[in-house]
């Protein structure tokens, strides 16, 4: 797993929050890493509204916590 993908997974795991790409402004194009993580079954996406804007939230669902912990532990 690439360094930035692991950093995103770690932040999602530690915060237990639903975050958007703007929450990872220190990573160039975090959406590519979200795709990698979602395809690996480590995170989930959902659409939401923030004001008038349609945004995509990413988070680790309860059924993905164990797998995410294993990936993060294999550093």
N, C-alpha and C. Protein backbone atom coordinates (compact mmCIF):
# COMPACT_ATOMS: atom_id res chain seq x y z
N UNK A 1 0.85 -1.18 0.00
CA UNK A 1 0.00 0.00 0.00
C UNK A 1 0.89 1.24 0.00
N UNK A 2 0.51 2.20 -0.80
CA UNK A 2 1.30 3.42 -0.91
C UNK A 2 1.22 4.27 0.36
N UNK A 3 2.25 5.07 0.56
CA UNK A 3 2.40 5.87 1.78
C UNK A 3 1.20 6.77 2.04
N UNK A 4 0.73 7.49 1.02
CA UNK A 4 -0.39 8.41 1.23
C UNK A 4 -1.69 7.66 1.51
N UNK A 5 -1.89 6.53 0.87
CA UNK A 5 -3.09 5.73 1.13
C UNK A 5 -3.09 5.28 2.58
N UNK A 6 -1.95 4.86 3.06
CA UNK A 6 -1.84 4.41 4.45
C UNK A 6 -2.07 5.57 5.42
N UNK A 7 -1.57 6.76 5.08
CA UNK A 7 -1.78 7.95 5.92
C UNK A 7 -3.27 8.30 6.01
N UNK A 8 -3.96 8.20 4.87
CA UNK A 8 -5.40 8.47 4.85
C UNK A 8 -6.14 7.44 5.69
N UNK A 9 -5.80 6.18 5.51
CA UNK A 9 -6.44 5.11 6.28
C UNK A 9 -6.22 5.31 7.77
N UNK A 10 -5.01 5.69 8.14
CA UNK A 10 -4.67 5.90 9.55
C UNK A 10 -5.51 7.04 10.15
N UNK A 11 -5.64 8.15 9.41
CA UNK A 11 -6.43 9.27 9.93
C UNK A 11 -7.91 8.88 10.06
N UNK A 12 -8.43 8.18 9.06
CA UNK A 12 -9.83 7.73 9.14
C UNK A 12 -10.03 6.78 10.32
N UNK A 13 -9.06 5.91 10.54
CA UNK A 13 -9.16 4.93 11.62
C UNK A 13 -9.09 5.62 12.98
N UNK A 14 -8.16 6.54 13.12
CA UNK A 14 -7.96 7.21 14.42
C UNK A 14 -9.09 8.17 14.77
N UNK A 15 -9.63 8.87 13.77
CA UNK A 15 -10.68 9.86 14.06
C UNK A 15 -12.07 9.23 14.12
N UNK A 16 -12.23 8.06 13.48
CA UNK A 16 -13.56 7.41 13.41
C UNK A 16 -14.61 8.38 12.88
N UNK A 17 -14.20 9.24 11.94
CA UNK A 17 -15.07 10.28 11.38
C UNK A 17 -15.29 10.07 9.89
N UNK A 18 -16.29 10.75 9.38
CA UNK A 18 -16.53 10.79 7.94
C UNK A 18 -15.83 12.04 7.42
N UNK A 19 -14.86 11.85 6.52
CA UNK A 19 -14.05 12.96 6.04
C UNK A 19 -14.14 13.09 4.52
N UNK A 20 -13.78 14.27 4.02
CA UNK A 20 -13.76 14.53 2.58
C UNK A 20 -12.32 14.75 2.13
N UNK A 21 -12.13 14.88 0.85
CA UNK A 21 -10.79 15.12 0.29
C UNK A 21 -10.18 16.40 0.85
N UNK A 22 -10.99 17.39 1.16
CA UNK A 22 -10.45 18.65 1.69
C UNK A 22 -9.84 18.48 3.08
N UNK A 23 -10.18 17.42 3.77
CA UNK A 23 -9.58 17.15 5.08
C UNK A 23 -8.16 16.62 4.95
N UNK A 24 -7.75 16.34 3.72
CA UNK A 24 -6.41 15.82 3.45
C UNK A 24 -5.68 16.77 2.51
N UNK A 25 -5.73 18.07 2.81
CA UNK A 25 -5.15 19.07 1.92
C UNK A 25 -3.64 18.97 1.80
N UNK A 26 -3.00 18.21 2.65
CA UNK A 26 -1.55 18.03 2.59
C UNK A 26 -1.16 16.90 1.63
N UNK A 27 -2.16 16.23 1.04
CA UNK A 27 -1.92 15.16 0.07
C UNK A 27 -2.46 15.62 -1.28
N UNK A 28 -1.60 15.56 -2.30
CA UNK A 28 -2.02 15.94 -3.64
C UNK A 28 -2.96 14.89 -4.21
N UNK A 29 -4.15 15.31 -4.61
CA UNK A 29 -5.18 14.45 -5.19
C UNK A 29 -5.48 13.22 -4.33
N UNK A 30 -6.02 13.43 -3.15
CA UNK A 30 -6.33 12.29 -2.29
C UNK A 30 -7.40 11.36 -2.85
N UNK A 31 -8.18 11.84 -3.82
CA UNK A 31 -9.23 11.00 -4.40
C UNK A 31 -8.68 9.72 -5.03
N UNK A 32 -7.49 9.78 -5.60
CA UNK A 32 -6.91 8.57 -6.18
C UNK A 32 -6.64 7.52 -5.11
N UNK A 33 -6.27 7.97 -3.93
CA UNK A 33 -6.00 7.04 -2.83
C UNK A 33 -7.31 6.52 -2.22
N UNK A 34 -8.34 7.37 -2.21
CA UNK A 34 -9.66 6.91 -1.75
C UNK A 34 -10.12 5.74 -2.62
N UNK A 35 -9.94 5.86 -3.92
CA UNK A 35 -10.35 4.79 -4.84
C UNK A 35 -9.59 3.50 -4.53
N UNK A 36 -8.30 3.63 -4.31
CA UNK A 36 -7.47 2.46 -3.98
C UNK A 36 -7.96 1.80 -2.70
N UNK A 37 -8.25 2.60 -1.70
CA UNK A 37 -8.71 2.07 -0.41
C UNK A 37 -10.10 1.46 -0.51
N UNK A 38 -10.96 2.10 -1.28
CA UNK A 38 -12.33 1.57 -1.43
C UNK A 38 -12.32 0.26 -2.22
N UNK A 39 -11.50 0.20 -3.26
CA UNK A 39 -11.40 -1.04 -4.05
C UNK A 39 -10.82 -2.19 -3.22
N UNK A 40 -10.01 -1.87 -2.23
CA UNK A 40 -9.44 -2.89 -1.35
C UNK A 40 -10.41 -3.28 -0.23
N UNK A 41 -11.57 -2.61 -0.18
CA UNK A 41 -12.56 -2.93 0.84
C UNK A 41 -12.22 -2.38 2.21
N UNK A 42 -11.41 -1.32 2.26
CA UNK A 42 -10.98 -0.76 3.54
C UNK A 42 -11.78 0.45 3.97
N UNK A 43 -12.41 1.15 3.03
CA UNK A 43 -13.24 2.30 3.36
C UNK A 43 -14.53 2.27 2.56
N UNK A 44 -15.46 3.12 2.98
CA UNK A 44 -16.77 3.25 2.34
C UNK A 44 -16.99 4.71 1.99
N UNK A 45 -17.71 4.97 0.92
CA UNK A 45 -18.05 6.33 0.50
C UNK A 45 -19.55 6.52 0.53
N UNK A 46 -19.95 7.76 0.78
CA UNK A 46 -21.37 8.10 0.69
C UNK A 46 -21.50 9.57 0.31
N UNK A 47 -22.54 9.88 -0.45
CA UNK A 47 -22.80 11.26 -0.84
C UNK A 47 -23.56 11.97 0.26
N UNK A 48 -23.29 13.28 0.40
CA UNK A 48 -23.97 14.11 1.40
C UNK A 48 -24.05 15.54 0.86
N UNK A 49 -24.74 16.38 1.57
CA UNK A 49 -24.85 17.80 1.21
C UNK A 49 -24.20 18.62 2.31
N UNK A 50 -23.42 19.61 1.89
CA UNK A 50 -22.87 20.59 2.82
C UNK A 50 -23.25 21.94 2.25
N UNK A 51 -24.26 22.55 2.83
CA UNK A 51 -24.83 23.76 2.23
C UNK A 51 -25.50 23.37 0.93
N UNK A 52 -25.13 24.04 -0.15
CA UNK A 52 -25.66 23.70 -1.47
C UNK A 52 -24.76 22.73 -2.22
N UNK A 53 -23.61 22.44 -1.65
CA UNK A 53 -22.64 21.58 -2.33
C UNK A 53 -22.90 20.10 -2.04
N UNK A 54 -22.73 19.30 -3.08
CA UNK A 54 -22.82 17.85 -2.94
C UNK A 54 -21.40 17.34 -2.70
N UNK A 55 -21.19 16.63 -1.61
CA UNK A 55 -19.85 16.17 -1.25
C UNK A 55 -19.84 14.66 -1.06
N UNK A 56 -18.67 14.08 -1.15
CA UNK A 56 -18.52 12.65 -0.93
C UNK A 56 -17.72 12.43 0.34
N UNK A 57 -18.32 11.73 1.28
CA UNK A 57 -17.68 11.42 2.55
C UNK A 57 -17.04 10.04 2.51
N UNK A 58 -15.89 9.92 3.12
CA UNK A 58 -15.22 8.62 3.22
C UNK A 58 -15.06 8.28 4.69
N UNK A 59 -15.22 7.01 5.00
CA UNK A 59 -15.10 6.55 6.38
C UNK A 59 -14.85 5.04 6.39
N UNK A 60 -14.47 4.56 7.55
CA UNK A 60 -14.29 3.12 7.74
C UNK A 60 -15.55 2.61 8.42
N UNK A 61 -16.29 1.76 7.75
CA UNK A 61 -17.51 1.19 8.31
C UNK A 61 -17.16 0.17 9.40
N UNK A 62 -18.10 -0.11 10.26
CA UNK A 62 -17.85 -1.04 11.37
C UNK A 62 -17.33 -2.39 10.90
N UNK A 63 -17.86 -2.88 9.79
CA UNK A 63 -17.43 -4.19 9.30
C UNK A 63 -16.05 -4.14 8.63
N UNK A 64 -15.47 -2.95 8.49
CA UNK A 64 -14.15 -2.81 7.88
C UNK A 64 -13.06 -2.50 8.92
N UNK A 65 -13.45 -2.25 10.15
CA UNK A 65 -12.49 -1.85 11.19
C UNK A 65 -11.39 -2.88 11.40
N UNK A 66 -11.76 -4.15 11.47
CA UNK A 66 -10.78 -5.21 11.73
C UNK A 66 -9.74 -5.28 10.62
N UNK A 67 -10.21 -5.22 9.39
CA UNK A 67 -9.30 -5.30 8.24
C UNK A 67 -8.39 -4.07 8.20
N UNK A 68 -8.94 -2.90 8.48
CA UNK A 68 -8.13 -1.68 8.50
C UNK A 68 -7.06 -1.74 9.59
N UNK A 69 -7.44 -2.25 10.74
CA UNK A 69 -6.49 -2.38 11.83
C UNK A 69 -5.35 -3.32 11.44
N UNK A 70 -5.69 -4.41 10.77
CA UNK A 70 -4.65 -5.38 10.33
C UNK A 70 -3.69 -4.72 9.34
N UNK A 71 -4.23 -3.96 8.39
CA UNK A 71 -3.38 -3.29 7.39
C UNK A 71 -2.48 -2.27 8.07
N UNK A 72 -3.02 -1.51 9.00
CA UNK A 72 -2.23 -0.49 9.69
C UNK A 72 -1.19 -1.13 10.60
N UNK A 73 -1.49 -2.28 11.16
CA UNK A 73 -0.56 -2.97 12.03
C UNK A 73 0.59 -3.60 11.29
N UNK A 74 0.43 -3.82 9.99
CA UNK A 74 1.46 -4.45 9.18
C UNK A 74 2.40 -3.40 8.57
N UNK A 75 2.70 -2.37 9.35
CA UNK A 75 3.53 -1.26 8.85
C UNK A 75 4.91 -1.66 8.66
